[in-house]
Amino acid sequence: MTQADGERFCLSRRAFLLSGGAAVTVMALGGLSEAFGQGAALQVASYPRKKIGRVSQLKVDQPVHFQYPWNDFNSTNMLIRLGVPAGGGAGPHQDIVAFSLLCTHMGGQLDGRYRGQYKVLGPCPLHLSTFDLTRHGMVVAGQATESLPQIVLETKGDEIWATGVMGLIYGYHSNLAPRT
């Protein structure tokens, strides 16, 4: 290539790589938009609303079990009033939370492993993962690398409703899809 005054135009290695990468990206995105017509449409998951309890019937540190979003063993969850405000908490004191009872590491059952004095769930019987229920079920010990799936709760008067799930339930590729 030459410039207007007759000198040779030199393209740096960095400029060459950037322009080449940009060209490939534009071509790839153009091909994708053609493959999907006008582009991929965003899909929004819609969870069922399910009444799971009453505020007046919950006692501090006494778990109540329920199934959500399905009615099977793998969707067993724990509803609990912690007695202290919690991340994602519902109710007048923001202390009512619900979590899946399947460990996020390898699906170990956490049923019966709530420790009220510490507000934690665990340790998992498989690899000792423990989860802090006041902080959205985050991992505090063990092999797990992801927080427990937290059930999104709403209260209407005295009723407690499950309306969604934050996080992926162990063993599923989608919380609303059948187990694969």
N, C-alpha and C. Protein backbone atom coordinates (compact mmCIF):
# COMPACT_ATOMS: atom_id res chain seq x y z
N MET A 1 0.84 -1.17 0.00
CA MET A 1 0.00 0.00 0.00
C MET A 1 0.89 1.24 0.00
N THR A 2 0.40 2.28 -0.59
CA THR A 2 1.16 3.54 -0.61
C THR A 2 0.28 4.66 -0.13
N GLN A 3 0.92 5.66 0.48
CA GLN A 3 0.20 6.85 0.88
C GLN A 3 0.18 7.82 -0.29
N ALA A 4 -0.52 8.91 -0.15
CA ALA A 4 -0.67 9.88 -1.24
C ALA A 4 0.67 10.51 -1.64
N ASP A 5 1.59 10.70 -0.69
CA ASP A 5 2.85 11.36 -1.02
C ASP A 5 3.89 10.37 -1.52
N GLY A 6 3.51 9.12 -1.79
CA GLY A 6 4.43 8.15 -2.36
C GLY A 6 5.15 7.29 -1.35
N GLU A 7 5.04 7.56 -0.04
CA GLU A 7 5.67 6.71 0.95
C GLU A 7 4.85 5.44 1.14
N ARG A 8 5.55 4.41 1.50
CA ARG A 8 4.89 3.13 1.73
C ARG A 8 4.16 3.17 3.08
N PHE A 9 2.89 2.71 3.10
CA PHE A 9 2.08 2.67 4.33
C PHE A 9 2.40 1.38 5.05
N CYS A 10 2.75 1.46 6.32
CA CYS A 10 3.13 0.28 7.11
C CYS A 10 2.06 0.03 8.17
N LEU A 11 1.50 -1.16 8.16
CA LEU A 11 0.48 -1.56 9.12
C LEU A 11 1.17 -2.34 10.24
N SER A 12 1.00 -1.88 11.49
CA SER A 12 1.65 -2.57 12.61
C SER A 12 0.98 -3.93 12.83
N ARG A 13 1.68 -4.81 13.50
CA ARG A 13 1.15 -6.12 13.81
C ARG A 13 -0.12 -6.00 14.64
N ARG A 14 -0.14 -5.10 15.61
CA ARG A 14 -1.31 -4.90 16.46
C ARG A 14 -2.50 -4.41 15.65
N ALA A 15 -2.30 -3.45 14.78
CA ALA A 15 -3.38 -2.93 13.95
C ALA A 15 -3.91 -4.02 13.02
N PHE A 16 -3.00 -4.83 12.47
CA PHE A 16 -3.41 -5.93 11.59
C PHE A 16 -4.29 -6.93 12.34
N LEU A 17 -3.86 -7.33 13.54
CA LEU A 17 -4.63 -8.30 14.32
C LEU A 17 -5.98 -7.74 14.75
N LEU A 18 -6.00 -6.48 15.17
CA LEU A 18 -7.27 -5.87 15.57
C LEU A 18 -8.24 -5.76 14.41
N SER A 19 -7.76 -5.31 13.27
CA SER A 19 -8.65 -5.16 12.12
C SER A 19 -9.10 -6.53 11.61
N GLY A 20 -8.20 -7.51 11.63
CA GLY A 20 -8.57 -8.86 11.20
C GLY A 20 -9.59 -9.48 12.14
N GLY A 21 -9.39 -9.32 13.45
CA GLY A 21 -10.34 -9.84 14.43
C GLY A 21 -11.70 -9.18 14.32
N ALA A 22 -11.69 -7.87 14.08
CA ALA A 22 -12.96 -7.15 13.93
C ALA A 22 -13.70 -7.63 12.69
N ALA A 23 -12.98 -7.86 11.60
CA ALA A 23 -13.61 -8.33 10.37
C ALA A 23 -14.22 -9.71 10.55
N VAL A 24 -13.50 -10.60 11.21
CA VAL A 24 -14.02 -11.96 11.45
C VAL A 24 -15.26 -11.90 12.34
N THR A 25 -15.23 -11.05 13.37
CA THR A 25 -16.38 -10.92 14.27
C THR A 25 -17.60 -10.40 13.52
N VAL A 26 -17.42 -9.39 12.70
CA VAL A 26 -18.54 -8.83 11.93
C VAL A 26 -19.12 -9.88 11.00
N MET A 27 -18.27 -10.64 10.33
CA MET A 27 -18.76 -11.68 9.43
C MET A 27 -19.49 -12.78 10.20
N ALA A 28 -18.95 -13.17 11.35
CA ALA A 28 -19.58 -14.22 12.14
C ALA A 28 -20.95 -13.76 12.65
N LEU A 29 -21.03 -12.54 13.16
CA LEU A 29 -22.31 -12.04 13.65
C LEU A 29 -23.31 -11.88 12.53
N GLY A 30 -22.84 -11.48 11.36
CA GLY A 30 -23.73 -11.38 10.20
C GLY A 30 -24.28 -12.74 9.84
N GLY A 31 -23.44 -13.76 9.89
CA GLY A 31 -23.87 -15.12 9.59
C GLY A 31 -24.85 -15.64 10.63
N LEU A 32 -24.64 -15.29 11.89
CA LEU A 32 -25.56 -15.73 12.94
C LEU A 32 -26.92 -15.10 12.77
N SER A 33 -26.94 -13.80 12.46
CA SER A 33 -28.24 -13.14 12.34
C SER A 33 -29.01 -13.70 11.16
N GLU A 34 -28.30 -14.11 10.08
CA GLU A 34 -28.99 -14.74 8.96
C GLU A 34 -29.50 -16.11 9.34
N ALA A 35 -28.71 -16.86 10.13
CA ALA A 35 -29.11 -18.21 10.52
C ALA A 35 -30.36 -18.19 11.38
N PHE A 36 -30.53 -17.15 12.19
CA PHE A 36 -31.68 -17.06 13.08
C PHE A 36 -32.73 -16.09 12.56
N GLY A 37 -32.70 -15.76 11.34
CA GLY A 37 -33.67 -14.82 10.79
C GLY A 37 -33.36 -13.41 11.26
N GLN A 38 -34.20 -12.85 12.07
CA GLN A 38 -34.01 -11.50 12.58
C GLN A 38 -33.21 -11.48 13.87
N GLY A 39 -32.63 -12.57 14.27
CA GLY A 39 -31.88 -12.63 15.53
C GLY A 39 -32.63 -13.50 16.52
N ALA A 40 -31.93 -13.96 17.52
CA ALA A 40 -32.53 -14.82 18.53
C ALA A 40 -33.40 -13.99 19.46
N ALA A 41 -34.56 -14.52 19.79
CA ALA A 41 -35.47 -13.83 20.70
C ALA A 41 -35.15 -14.23 22.14
N LEU A 42 -35.24 -13.29 23.04
CA LEU A 42 -35.01 -13.54 24.45
C LEU A 42 -36.18 -14.34 25.01
N GLN A 43 -35.88 -15.42 25.74
CA GLN A 43 -36.92 -16.22 26.36
C GLN A 43 -36.88 -15.99 27.86
N VAL A 44 -38.02 -15.75 28.45
CA VAL A 44 -38.11 -15.50 29.88
C VAL A 44 -38.80 -16.69 30.54
N ALA A 45 -38.14 -17.24 31.56
CA ALA A 45 -38.74 -18.36 32.29
C ALA A 45 -39.87 -17.83 33.17
N SER A 46 -40.94 -18.57 33.23
CA SER A 46 -42.07 -18.18 34.04
C SER A 46 -42.31 -19.27 35.09
N TYR A 47 -42.04 -18.95 36.33
CA TYR A 47 -42.21 -19.91 37.41
C TYR A 47 -43.66 -19.90 37.89
N PRO A 48 -44.14 -21.05 38.35
CA PRO A 48 -45.49 -21.08 38.92
C PRO A 48 -45.51 -20.37 40.28
N ARG A 49 -46.64 -19.82 40.63
CA ARG A 49 -46.83 -19.26 41.97
C ARG A 49 -47.46 -20.36 42.81
N LYS A 50 -46.89 -20.58 43.98
CA LYS A 50 -47.41 -21.66 44.83
C LYS A 50 -47.42 -21.19 46.28
N LYS A 51 -48.58 -21.35 46.93
CA LYS A 51 -48.68 -21.02 48.35
C LYS A 51 -47.98 -22.12 49.14
N ILE A 52 -47.02 -21.72 50.01
CA ILE A 52 -46.22 -22.73 50.71
C ILE A 52 -46.32 -22.64 52.23
N GLY A 53 -47.01 -21.65 52.76
CA GLY A 53 -47.13 -21.57 54.21
C GLY A 53 -47.77 -20.29 54.68
N ARG A 54 -47.78 -20.14 56.00
CA ARG A 54 -48.32 -18.93 56.65
C ARG A 54 -47.28 -18.36 57.60
N VAL A 55 -47.15 -17.06 57.59
CA VAL A 55 -46.19 -16.37 58.47
C VAL A 55 -46.47 -16.72 59.92
N SER A 56 -47.74 -16.72 60.31
CA SER A 56 -48.12 -16.95 61.71
C SER A 56 -47.77 -18.35 62.20
N GLN A 57 -47.59 -19.32 61.30
CA GLN A 57 -47.31 -20.70 61.70
C GLN A 57 -45.81 -21.00 61.79
N LEU A 58 -44.97 -20.09 61.32
CA LEU A 58 -43.52 -20.33 61.36
C LEU A 58 -42.94 -19.99 62.72
N LYS A 59 -42.12 -20.88 63.23
CA LYS A 59 -41.39 -20.66 64.48
C LYS A 59 -39.91 -20.47 64.13
N VAL A 60 -39.22 -19.63 64.87
CA VAL A 60 -37.81 -19.36 64.61
C VAL A 60 -37.00 -20.66 64.70
N ASP A 61 -36.17 -20.89 63.68
CA ASP A 61 -35.26 -22.03 63.59
C ASP A 61 -35.95 -23.39 63.51
N GLN A 62 -37.21 -23.43 63.06
CA GLN A 62 -37.91 -24.70 62.86
C GLN A 62 -38.30 -24.81 61.39
N PRO A 63 -37.51 -25.58 60.60
CA PRO A 63 -37.75 -25.69 59.15
C PRO A 63 -39.08 -26.35 58.80
N VAL A 64 -39.64 -25.92 57.68
CA VAL A 64 -40.83 -26.52 57.09
C VAL A 64 -40.46 -26.92 55.67
N HIS A 65 -40.75 -28.17 55.29
CA HIS A 65 -40.38 -28.66 53.97
C HIS A 65 -41.53 -28.49 52.99
N PHE A 66 -41.17 -28.24 51.72
CA PHE A 66 -42.16 -28.12 50.66
C PHE A 66 -41.50 -28.43 49.32
N GLN A 67 -42.31 -28.77 48.31
CA GLN A 67 -41.81 -29.04 46.97
C GLN A 67 -42.05 -27.82 46.08
N TYR A 68 -41.01 -27.44 45.33
CA TYR A 68 -41.13 -26.34 44.37
C TYR A 68 -39.89 -26.34 43.50
N PRO A 69 -39.94 -26.15 42.25
CA PRO A 69 -41.09 -25.84 41.40
C PRO A 69 -41.88 -27.06 40.95
N TRP A 70 -41.43 -28.28 41.27
CA TRP A 70 -42.17 -29.49 40.93
C TRP A 70 -42.62 -30.18 42.21
N ASN A 71 -43.40 -31.21 42.06
CA ASN A 71 -43.84 -32.01 43.20
C ASN A 71 -43.11 -33.34 43.21
N ASP A 72 -41.79 -33.30 43.39
CA ASP A 72 -41.03 -34.54 43.48
C ASP A 72 -39.91 -34.39 44.50
N PHE A 73 -39.27 -35.50 44.79
CA PHE A 73 -38.22 -35.56 45.80
C PHE A 73 -37.08 -34.59 45.51
N ASN A 74 -36.73 -34.43 44.23
CA ASN A 74 -35.60 -33.58 43.85
C ASN A 74 -35.89 -32.09 43.96
N SER A 75 -37.10 -31.71 44.23
CA SER A 75 -37.39 -30.29 44.41
C SER A 75 -37.83 -29.99 45.84
N THR A 76 -37.32 -30.76 46.79
CA THR A 76 -37.63 -30.51 48.19
C THR A 76 -36.83 -29.30 48.67
N ASN A 77 -37.52 -28.41 49.32
CA ASN A 77 -36.94 -27.17 49.81
C ASN A 77 -37.26 -27.00 51.28
N MET A 78 -36.60 -26.04 51.88
CA MET A 78 -36.79 -25.75 53.29
C MET A 78 -37.19 -24.28 53.45
N LEU A 79 -38.32 -24.05 54.08
CA LEU A 79 -38.79 -22.71 54.44
C LEU A 79 -38.47 -22.52 55.91
N ILE A 80 -37.90 -21.37 56.25
CA ILE A 80 -37.51 -21.17 57.65
C ILE A 80 -37.56 -19.70 58.03
N ARG A 81 -37.94 -19.47 59.27
CA ARG A 81 -37.85 -18.13 59.86
C ARG A 81 -36.56 -18.12 60.68
N LEU A 82 -35.61 -17.26 60.27
CA LEU A 82 -34.31 -17.23 60.92
C LEU A 82 -34.27 -16.42 62.21
N GLY A 83 -35.17 -15.45 62.33
CA GLY A 83 -35.14 -14.59 63.52
C GLY A 83 -34.20 -13.41 63.37
N VAL A 84 -33.48 -13.33 62.26
CA VAL A 84 -32.60 -12.20 61.94
C VAL A 84 -32.82 -11.86 60.46
N PRO A 85 -32.68 -10.59 60.08
CA PRO A 85 -32.85 -10.25 58.66
C PRO A 85 -31.87 -11.03 57.78
N ALA A 86 -32.34 -11.40 56.59
CA ALA A 86 -31.52 -12.20 55.68
C ALA A 86 -31.64 -11.68 54.26
N GLY A 87 -30.61 -11.93 53.47
CA GLY A 87 -30.64 -11.57 52.05
C GLY A 87 -31.78 -12.30 51.36
N GLY A 88 -32.63 -11.55 50.68
CA GLY A 88 -33.78 -12.16 50.01
C GLY A 88 -34.90 -12.55 50.96
N GLY A 89 -34.82 -12.09 52.20
CA GLY A 89 -35.83 -12.44 53.19
C GLY A 89 -37.18 -11.80 52.92
N ALA A 90 -38.22 -12.49 53.32
CA ALA A 90 -39.59 -12.00 53.16
C ALA A 90 -40.21 -11.82 54.54
N GLY A 91 -41.42 -11.29 54.57
CA GLY A 91 -42.12 -11.10 55.82
C GLY A 91 -41.83 -9.75 56.44
N PRO A 92 -42.51 -9.45 57.55
CA PRO A 92 -42.37 -8.13 58.16
C PRO A 92 -40.96 -7.83 58.67
N HIS A 93 -40.19 -8.85 59.02
CA HIS A 93 -38.83 -8.63 59.53
C HIS A 93 -37.75 -9.09 58.55
N GLN A 94 -38.16 -9.43 57.32
CA GLN A 94 -37.22 -9.88 56.28
C GLN A 94 -36.38 -11.07 56.75
N ASP A 95 -36.99 -11.93 57.57
CA ASP A 95 -36.25 -13.07 58.14
C ASP A 95 -36.76 -14.44 57.69
N ILE A 96 -37.68 -14.47 56.72
CA ILE A 96 -38.21 -15.73 56.22
C ILE A 96 -37.55 -16.02 54.88
N VAL A 97 -36.89 -17.17 54.78
CA VAL A 97 -36.18 -17.56 53.56
C VAL A 97 -36.49 -19.02 53.23
N ALA A 98 -36.17 -19.39 52.00
CA ALA A 98 -36.35 -20.78 51.58
C ALA A 98 -35.23 -21.16 50.62
N PHE A 99 -34.74 -22.39 50.74
CA PHE A 99 -33.63 -22.87 49.93
C PHE A 99 -33.85 -24.31 49.51
N SER A 100 -33.23 -24.67 48.38
CA SER A 100 -33.20 -26.07 47.95
C SER A 100 -32.40 -26.87 48.96
N LEU A 101 -32.77 -28.14 49.14
CA LEU A 101 -32.05 -29.01 50.06
C LEU A 101 -31.06 -29.92 49.35
N LEU A 102 -30.73 -29.60 48.09
CA LEU A 102 -29.72 -30.35 47.35
C LEU A 102 -28.44 -29.53 47.27
N CYS A 103 -27.34 -30.06 47.78
CA CYS A 103 -26.05 -29.37 47.74
C CYS A 103 -25.67 -29.09 46.29
N THR A 104 -25.11 -27.92 46.04
CA THR A 104 -24.75 -27.53 44.67
C THR A 104 -23.50 -28.23 44.18
N HIS A 105 -22.76 -28.90 45.05
CA HIS A 105 -21.53 -29.57 44.61
C HIS A 105 -21.83 -30.89 43.92
N MET A 106 -22.49 -31.81 44.61
CA MET A 106 -22.82 -33.11 44.02
C MET A 106 -24.21 -33.60 44.37
N GLY A 107 -25.08 -32.71 44.80
CA GLY A 107 -26.47 -33.07 45.05
C GLY A 107 -26.75 -33.80 46.35
N GLY A 108 -25.83 -33.72 47.31
CA GLY A 108 -26.05 -34.37 48.60
C GLY A 108 -27.26 -33.78 49.31
N GLN A 109 -28.00 -34.63 50.01
CA GLN A 109 -29.19 -34.17 50.74
C GLN A 109 -28.80 -33.41 52.00
N LEU A 110 -29.30 -32.20 52.13
CA LEU A 110 -29.02 -31.36 53.30
C LEU A 110 -30.15 -31.40 54.32
N ASP A 111 -31.14 -32.25 54.10
CA ASP A 111 -32.28 -32.37 55.00
C ASP A 111 -31.81 -32.74 56.40
N GLY A 112 -32.29 -32.01 57.39
CA GLY A 112 -31.94 -32.30 58.78
C GLY A 112 -30.59 -31.76 59.19
N ARG A 113 -30.00 -30.91 58.39
CA ARG A 113 -28.67 -30.39 58.68
C ARG A 113 -28.66 -28.88 58.94
N TYR A 114 -29.79 -28.33 59.33
CA TYR A 114 -29.86 -26.91 59.65
C TYR A 114 -29.29 -26.69 61.05
N ARG A 115 -28.40 -25.73 61.20
CA ARG A 115 -27.77 -25.37 62.47
C ARG A 115 -28.24 -23.96 62.86
N GLY A 116 -29.30 -23.90 63.68
CA GLY A 116 -29.94 -22.64 64.03
C GLY A 116 -29.05 -21.64 64.72
N GLN A 117 -28.14 -22.11 65.59
CA GLN A 117 -27.29 -21.17 66.31
C GLN A 117 -26.37 -20.39 65.36
N TYR A 118 -26.06 -20.97 64.19
CA TYR A 118 -25.18 -20.31 63.22
C TYR A 118 -25.92 -19.83 61.97
N LYS A 119 -27.18 -20.21 61.82
CA LYS A 119 -28.00 -19.87 60.65
C LYS A 119 -27.39 -20.43 59.36
N VAL A 120 -26.87 -21.65 59.44
CA VAL A 120 -26.26 -22.31 58.29
C VAL A 120 -26.96 -23.62 58.00
N LEU A 121 -26.83 -24.07 56.76
CA LEU A 121 -27.34 -25.37 56.35
C LEU A 121 -26.14 -26.22 55.95
N GLY A 122 -25.96 -27.34 56.60
CA GLY A 122 -24.82 -28.21 56.33
C GLY A 122 -24.23 -28.68 57.64
N PRO A 123 -23.22 -29.48 57.57
CA PRO A 123 -22.44 -29.81 56.38
C PRO A 123 -23.10 -30.89 55.54
N CYS A 124 -22.82 -30.83 54.23
CA CYS A 124 -23.31 -31.84 53.29
C CYS A 124 -22.67 -33.18 53.66
N PRO A 125 -23.43 -34.28 53.61
CA PRO A 125 -22.86 -35.58 53.98
C PRO A 125 -21.80 -36.08 53.00
N LEU A 126 -21.72 -35.52 51.80
CA LEU A 126 -20.75 -36.00 50.82
C LEU A 126 -19.38 -35.33 50.97
N HIS A 127 -19.34 -34.00 51.02
CA HIS A 127 -18.04 -33.31 51.05
C HIS A 127 -18.03 -32.12 52.01
N LEU A 128 -18.96 -32.10 52.95
CA LEU A 128 -18.97 -31.13 54.05
C LEU A 128 -19.20 -29.68 53.67
N SER A 129 -19.84 -29.41 52.53
CA SER A 129 -20.16 -28.03 52.18
C SER A 129 -21.21 -27.49 53.14
N THR A 130 -21.04 -26.23 53.53
CA THR A 130 -21.95 -25.57 54.46
C THR A 130 -22.33 -24.22 53.86
N PHE A 131 -23.59 -23.80 54.05
CA PHE A 131 -24.12 -22.62 53.39
C PHE A 131 -24.73 -21.65 54.41
N ASP A 132 -24.45 -20.36 54.26
CA ASP A 132 -24.96 -19.30 55.14
C ASP A 132 -26.31 -18.84 54.63
N LEU A 133 -27.36 -19.08 55.40
CA LEU A 133 -28.71 -18.74 54.96
C LEU A 133 -29.04 -17.26 55.11
N THR A 134 -28.24 -16.51 55.86
CA THR A 134 -28.49 -15.07 55.99
C THR A 134 -27.91 -14.30 54.81
N ARG A 135 -27.06 -14.95 54.02
CA ARG A 135 -26.39 -14.29 52.88
C ARG A 135 -26.69 -15.03 51.58
N HIS A 136 -27.95 -15.20 51.27
CA HIS A 136 -28.40 -15.82 50.02
C HIS A 136 -27.85 -17.24 49.83
N GLY A 137 -27.57 -17.96 50.90
CA GLY A 137 -27.11 -19.34 50.79
C GLY A 137 -25.69 -19.49 50.27
N MET A 138 -24.85 -18.48 50.51
CA MET A 138 -23.48 -18.57 50.00
C MET A 138 -22.67 -19.63 50.74
N VAL A 139 -21.68 -20.17 50.04
CA VAL A 139 -20.83 -21.22 50.58
C VAL A 139 -19.91 -20.63 51.65
N VAL A 140 -19.85 -21.28 52.82
CA VAL A 140 -18.92 -20.83 53.87
C VAL A 140 -17.84 -21.87 54.14
N ALA A 141 -18.05 -23.10 53.67
CA ALA A 141 -17.04 -24.16 53.84
C ALA A 141 -17.36 -25.30 52.89
N GLY A 142 -16.35 -26.07 52.54
CA GLY A 142 -16.55 -27.27 51.75
C GLY A 142 -16.22 -27.12 50.28
N GLN A 143 -16.60 -28.12 49.50
CA GLN A 143 -16.24 -28.22 48.09
C GLN A 143 -17.14 -27.44 47.14
N ALA A 144 -18.34 -27.08 47.57
CA ALA A 144 -19.27 -26.37 46.68
C ALA A 144 -18.67 -25.04 46.25
N THR A 145 -18.98 -24.64 45.03
CA THR A 145 -18.49 -23.35 44.52
C THR A 145 -19.63 -22.39 44.22
N GLU A 146 -20.87 -22.85 44.37
CA GLU A 146 -22.02 -21.99 44.10
C GLU A 146 -22.96 -21.98 45.30
N SER A 147 -23.65 -20.87 45.47
CA SER A 147 -24.63 -20.74 46.55
C SER A 147 -25.78 -21.71 46.34
N LEU A 148 -26.48 -22.01 47.43
CA LEU A 148 -27.69 -22.83 47.32
C LEU A 148 -28.74 -22.07 46.53
N PRO A 149 -29.52 -22.76 45.69
CA PRO A 149 -30.62 -22.08 45.03
C PRO A 149 -31.62 -21.56 46.07
N GLN A 150 -31.89 -20.27 46.00
CA GLN A 150 -32.82 -19.64 46.94
C GLN A 150 -34.18 -19.50 46.27
N ILE A 151 -35.22 -19.90 46.97
CA ILE A 151 -36.58 -19.78 46.48
C ILE A 151 -37.03 -18.34 46.72
N VAL A 152 -37.52 -17.70 45.67
CA VAL A 152 -38.00 -16.32 45.78
C VAL A 152 -39.37 -16.36 46.46
N LEU A 153 -39.49 -15.58 47.53
CA LEU A 153 -40.73 -15.59 48.32
C LEU A 153 -41.43 -14.24 48.26
N GLU A 154 -42.74 -14.29 48.37
CA GLU A 154 -43.57 -13.10 48.53
C GLU A 154 -44.53 -13.37 49.68
N THR A 155 -44.83 -12.34 50.44
CA THR A 155 -45.86 -12.48 51.48
C THR A 155 -47.01 -11.55 51.13
N LYS A 156 -48.21 -12.08 51.29
CA LYS A 156 -49.43 -11.29 51.11
C LYS A 156 -50.28 -11.53 52.34
N GLY A 157 -50.27 -10.55 53.25
CA GLY A 157 -50.92 -10.75 54.52
C GLY A 157 -50.18 -11.83 55.29
N ASP A 158 -50.87 -12.90 55.64
CA ASP A 158 -50.27 -14.00 56.40
C ASP A 158 -49.75 -15.12 55.49
N GLU A 159 -50.06 -15.05 54.19
CA GLU A 159 -49.68 -16.12 53.27
C GLU A 159 -48.27 -15.94 52.73
N ILE A 160 -47.56 -17.06 52.54
CA ILE A 160 -46.22 -17.06 51.95
C ILE A 160 -46.31 -17.79 50.62
N TRP A 161 -45.83 -17.15 49.56
CA TRP A 161 -45.89 -17.70 48.21
C TRP A 161 -44.48 -17.86 47.64
N ALA A 162 -44.23 -19.00 47.01
CA ALA A 162 -43.00 -19.21 46.24
C ALA A 162 -43.28 -18.72 44.82
N THR A 163 -42.37 -17.89 44.28
CA THR A 163 -42.62 -17.31 42.95
C THR A 163 -41.47 -17.51 41.97
N GLY A 164 -40.37 -18.13 42.40
CA GLY A 164 -39.25 -18.34 41.50
C GLY A 164 -38.07 -18.95 42.23
N VAL A 165 -36.99 -19.18 41.48
CA VAL A 165 -35.77 -19.75 42.04
C VAL A 165 -34.58 -18.94 41.56
N MET A 166 -33.72 -18.52 42.49
CA MET A 166 -32.46 -17.85 42.14
C MET A 166 -31.36 -18.90 42.23
N GLY A 167 -30.80 -19.27 41.10
CA GLY A 167 -29.77 -20.29 41.07
C GLY A 167 -30.30 -21.56 40.44
N LEU A 168 -29.39 -22.43 40.03
CA LEU A 168 -29.76 -23.66 39.35
C LEU A 168 -29.82 -24.83 40.34
N ILE A 169 -30.94 -25.53 40.36
CA ILE A 169 -31.11 -26.69 41.22
C ILE A 169 -30.22 -27.82 40.72
N TYR A 170 -29.50 -28.47 41.60
CA TYR A 170 -28.55 -29.52 41.22
C TYR A 170 -29.23 -30.61 40.39
N GLY A 171 -28.58 -30.99 39.30
CA GLY A 171 -29.07 -32.08 38.47
C GLY A 171 -29.98 -31.67 37.32
N TYR A 172 -30.24 -30.37 37.17
CA TYR A 172 -31.12 -29.88 36.12
C TYR A 172 -30.38 -28.88 35.25
N HIS A 173 -30.69 -28.90 33.95
CA HIS A 173 -30.11 -27.90 33.05
C HIS A 173 -30.96 -26.64 33.03
N SER A 174 -32.16 -26.73 33.54
CA SER A 174 -33.06 -25.59 33.67
C SER A 174 -34.00 -25.93 34.82
N ASN A 175 -34.29 -24.96 35.68
CA ASN A 175 -35.17 -25.23 36.81
C ASN A 175 -36.59 -25.57 36.39
N LEU A 176 -36.95 -25.25 35.16
CA LEU A 176 -38.31 -25.53 34.70
C LEU A 176 -38.36 -26.69 33.71
N ALA A 177 -37.22 -27.35 33.48
CA ALA A 177 -37.16 -28.47 32.52
C ALA A 177 -37.12 -29.79 33.27
N PRO A 178 -37.55 -30.86 32.62
CA PRO A 178 -37.44 -32.17 33.26
C PRO A 178 -35.98 -32.55 33.45
N ARG A 179 -35.72 -33.37 34.44
CA ARG A 179 -34.36 -33.81 34.74
C ARG A 179 -33.80 -34.61 33.57
N THR A 180 -32.52 -34.34 33.22
CA THR A 180 -31.89 -35.08 32.12
C THR A 180 -30.64 -35.78 32.62
